[in-house]
Structures are given as structure tokens and as C-alpha cells.
Amino acid sequence: QRLQAELAEARTSLETSVTIRKGVESRVLELQSALEAAEGRLRAAGAERDKLLQERERDIAARLLALRGEHKQAMDVSAAEHAAVLQQLKKTHDEALKILRQEH
């Protein structure tokens, strides 16, 4: 009878261990599933971040190109204005020389 009691106790202990093990395995599977879902969200967030960075880089490149165009245009206008001023100075200089020659 004592042996039967020990056997019953061992069986109960084994059943408890099996139940605990099944619970742990179930929880491990839940955690693995949650981890995989989190990794998927992380990958998606990384892809979205990469997409946003690429869009920002394109925007910056477009703005830089526009600024370069504006700068070139401003430099062309400045050069044209400079040339016009030089031409006017030459004309004034030529007129002054002509006047000086006429006076002498």
C-alpha cells in the first residue's frame, strides 16, 4: 500500500511536470510568434525609414540642382551687367578722349 501511495505520488508529480512542460512549450511558442511579429514590424519600419530617407535625398538633390541653376543664372546676369558697365565706361572714356583731343 505504501508502494502504491508512492507510485500515485510519482504519477501525480509526473503529470504535474508534463502539464508544466506543456504550458512552458505553449508560452515559448507564443513568445516566438510575438517575436516574429515584432521582427516583421521592425523590418517594415526599417523599409519605411529607408523609403523616407530616399525621398528626402531626392528632395535635397532637386533643391540643390535648382539652387545651382539659380546661382548660374545670377552669375550670368551679374556677368552681363558687368559687361554692360564696362562697355559704358569704355564709351565714356572714348568720349572723354574725343573731347580732350578736340580741345587740343
C-alpha atoms as a PDB file:
ATOM      1  CA  GLN A   1       0.000   0.000   0.000  1.00  0.00           C
ATOM      2  CA  ARG A   2       2.836   2.325   0.779  1.00  0.00           C
ATOM      3  CA  LEU A   3       4.343   1.457  -2.588  1.00  0.00           C
ATOM      4  CA  GLN A   4       1.042   2.283  -4.268  1.00  0.00           C
ATOM      5  CA  ALA A   5       0.955   5.634  -2.484  1.00  0.00           C
ATOM      6  CA  GLU A   6       4.494   6.415  -3.637  1.00  0.00           C
ATOM      7  CA  LEU A   7       3.598   5.302  -7.151  1.00  0.00           C
ATOM      8  CA  ALA A   8       0.474   7.526  -7.109  1.00  0.00           C
ATOM      9  CA  GLU A   9       2.564  10.428  -5.807  1.00  0.00           C
ATOM     10  CA  ALA A  10       5.184   9.855  -8.516  1.00  0.00           C
ATOM     11  CA  ARG A  11       2.440   9.670 -11.164  1.00  0.00           C
ATOM     12  CA  THR A  12       0.911  12.919  -9.886  1.00  0.00           C
ATOM     13  CA  SER A  13       4.333  14.571  -9.873  1.00  0.00           C
ATOM     14  CA  LEU A  14       4.987  13.353 -13.415  1.00  0.00           C
ATOM     15  CA  GLU A  15       1.595  14.590 -14.597  1.00  0.00           C
ATOM     16  CA  THR A  16       2.258  17.947 -12.968  1.00  0.00           C
ATOM     17  CA  SER A  17       5.669  18.110 -14.662  1.00  0.00           C
ATOM     18  CA  VAL A  18       4.134  17.216 -18.035  1.00  0.00           C
ATOM     19  CA  THR A  19       1.436  19.864 -17.555  1.00  0.00           C
ATOM     20  CA  ILE A  20       4.033  22.461 -16.610  1.00  0.00           C
ATOM     21  CA  ARG A  21       6.206  21.452 -19.578  1.00  0.00           C
ATOM     22  CA  LYS A  22       3.261  21.755 -21.976  1.00  0.00           C
ATOM     23  CA  GLY A  23       2.457  25.174 -20.525  1.00  0.00           C
ATOM     24  CA  VAL A  24       6.061  26.285 -20.928  1.00  0.00           C
ATOM     25  CA  GLU A  25       6.187  24.963 -24.509  1.00  0.00           C
ATOM     26  CA  SER A  26       2.940  26.778 -25.284  1.00  0.00           C
ATOM     27  CA  ARG A  27       4.312  30.006 -23.815  1.00  0.00           C
ATOM     28  CA  VAL A  28       7.568  29.589 -25.790  1.00  0.00           C
ATOM     29  CA  LEU A  29       5.531  29.230 -28.998  1.00  0.00           C
ATOM     30  CA  GLU A  30       3.524  32.349 -28.104  1.00  0.00           C
ATOM     31  CA  LEU A  31       6.713  34.286 -27.439  1.00  0.00           C
ATOM     32  CA  GLN A  32       8.296  33.051 -30.680  1.00  0.00           C
ATOM     33  CA  SER A  33       5.207  34.151 -32.580  1.00  0.00           C
ATOM     34  CA  ALA A  34       5.258  37.549 -30.873  1.00  0.00           C
ATOM     35  CA  LEU A  35       8.976  37.884 -31.624  1.00  0.00           C
ATOM     36  CA  GLU A  36       8.444  37.048 -35.297  1.00  0.00           C
ATOM     37  CA  ALA A  37       5.626  39.602 -35.488  1.00  0.00           C
ATOM     38  CA  ALA A  38       7.828  42.230 -33.833  1.00  0.00           C
ATOM     39  CA  GLU A  39      10.671  41.440 -36.243  1.00  0.00           C
ATOM     40  CA  GLY A  40       8.229  41.827 -39.149  1.00  0.00           C
ATOM     41  CA  ARG A  41       7.105  45.217 -37.841  1.00  0.00           C
ATOM     42  CA  LEU A  42      10.727  46.230 -37.349  1.00  0.00           C
ATOM     43  CA  ARG A  43      11.589  45.240 -40.927  1.00  0.00           C
ATOM     44  CA  ALA A  44       8.562  47.166 -42.206  1.00  0.00           C
ATOM     45  CA  ALA A  45       9.541  50.219 -40.157  1.00  0.00           C
ATOM     46  CA  GLY A  46      13.104  49.970 -41.491  1.00  0.00           C
ATOM     47  CA  ALA A  47      11.829  49.763 -45.051  1.00  0.00           C
ATOM     48  CA  GLU A  48       9.580  52.778 -44.448  1.00  0.00           C
ATOM     49  CA  ARG A  49      12.502  54.692 -42.929  1.00  0.00           C
ATOM     50  CA  ASP A  50      14.675  53.820 -45.938  1.00  0.00           C
ATOM     51  CA  LYS A  51      11.911  54.968 -48.293  1.00  0.00           C
ATOM     52  CA  LEU A  52      11.551  58.274 -46.424  1.00  0.00           C
ATOM     53  CA  LEU A  53      15.317  58.803 -46.439  1.00  0.00           C
ATOM     54  CA  GLN A  54      15.450  58.168 -50.184  1.00  0.00           C
ATOM     55  CA  GLU A  55      12.608  60.636 -50.740  1.00  0.00           C
ATOM     56  CA  ARG A  56      14.410  63.210 -48.614  1.00  0.00           C
ATOM     57  CA  GLU A  57      17.663  62.651 -50.504  1.00  0.00           C
ATOM     58  CA  ARG A  58      15.801  63.140 -53.810  1.00  0.00           C
ATOM     59  CA  ASP A  59      14.194  66.340 -52.479  1.00  0.00           C
ATOM     60  CA  ILE A  60      17.558  67.676 -51.315  1.00  0.00           C
ATOM     61  CA  ALA A  61      19.180  66.796 -54.657  1.00  0.00           C
ATOM     62  CA  ALA A  62      16.363  68.545 -56.537  1.00  0.00           C
ATOM     63  CA  ARG A  63      16.669  71.643 -54.339  1.00  0.00           C
ATOM     64  CA  LEU A  64      20.436  71.662 -54.775  1.00  0.00           C
ATOM     65  CA  LEU A  65      20.057  71.398 -58.542  1.00  0.00           C
ATOM     66  CA  ALA A  66      17.551  74.267 -58.509  1.00  0.00           C
ATOM     67  CA  LEU A  67      19.877  76.389 -56.367  1.00  0.00           C
ATOM     68  CA  ARG A  68      22.763  75.685 -58.715  1.00  0.00           C
ATOM     69  CA  GLY A  69      20.576  76.789 -61.627  1.00  0.00           C
ATOM     70  CA  GLU A  70      19.574  79.952 -59.794  1.00  0.00           C
ATOM     71  CA  HIS A  71      23.210  80.640 -58.905  1.00  0.00           C
ATOM     72  CA  LYS A  72      24.331  80.166 -62.516  1.00  0.00           C
ATOM     73  CA  GLN A  73      21.541  82.428 -63.714  1.00  0.00           C
ATOM     74  CA  ALA A  74      22.516  85.078 -61.156  1.00  0.00           C
ATOM     75  CA  MET A  75      26.166  84.794 -62.183  1.00  0.00           C
ATOM     76  CA  ASP A  76      25.198  85.118 -65.876  1.00  0.00           C
ATOM     77  CA  VAL A  77      23.122  88.218 -65.094  1.00  0.00           C
ATOM     78  CA  SER A  78      25.952  89.610 -62.991  1.00  0.00           C
ATOM     79  CA  ALA A  79      28.449  88.968 -65.792  1.00  0.00           C
ATOM     80  CA  ALA A  80      26.110  90.606 -68.318  1.00  0.00           C
ATOM     81  CA  GLU A  81      25.646  93.624 -66.034  1.00  0.00           C
ATOM     82  CA  HIS A  82      29.399  93.813 -65.512  1.00  0.00           C
ATOM     83  CA  ALA A  83      29.985  93.704 -69.259  1.00  0.00           C
ATOM     84  CA  ALA A  84      27.394  96.456 -69.790  1.00  0.00           C
ATOM     85  CA  VAL A  85      29.063  98.650 -67.167  1.00  0.00           C
ATOM     86  CA  LEU A  86      32.479  98.064 -68.764  1.00  0.00           C
ATOM     87  CA  GLN A  87      31.051  98.898 -72.172  1.00  0.00           C
ATOM     88  CA  GLN A  88      29.541 102.122 -70.782  1.00  0.00           C
ATOM     89  CA  LEU A  89      32.867 103.006 -69.124  1.00  0.00           C
ATOM     90  CA  LYS A  90      34.704 102.420 -72.411  1.00  0.00           C
ATOM     91  CA  LYS A  91      32.167 104.596 -74.226  1.00  0.00           C
ATOM     92  CA  THR A  92      32.551 107.345 -71.611  1.00  0.00           C
ATOM     93  CA  HIS A  93      36.341 107.014 -71.804  1.00  0.00           C
ATOM     94  CA  ASP A  94      36.286 107.229 -75.609  1.00  0.00           C
ATOM     95  CA  GLU A  95      34.020 110.280 -75.433  1.00  0.00           C
ATOM     96  CA  ALA A  96      36.346 111.919 -72.891  1.00  0.00           C
ATOM     97  CA  LEU A  97      39.349 111.250 -75.145  1.00  0.00           C
ATOM     98  CA  LYS A  98      37.492 112.690 -78.113  1.00  0.00           C
ATOM     99  CA  ILE A  99      36.650 115.832 -76.116  1.00  0.00           C
ATOM    100  CA  LEU A 100      40.267 116.154 -74.927  1.00  0.00           C
ATOM    101  CA  ARG A 101      41.545 115.788 -78.498  1.00  0.00           C
ATOM    102  CA  GLN A 102      39.125 118.415 -79.713  1.00  0.00           C
ATOM    103  CA  GLU A 103      40.314 120.857 -77.042  1.00  0.00           C
ATOM    104  CA  HIS A 104      43.959 120.416 -78.025  1.00  0.00           C
END
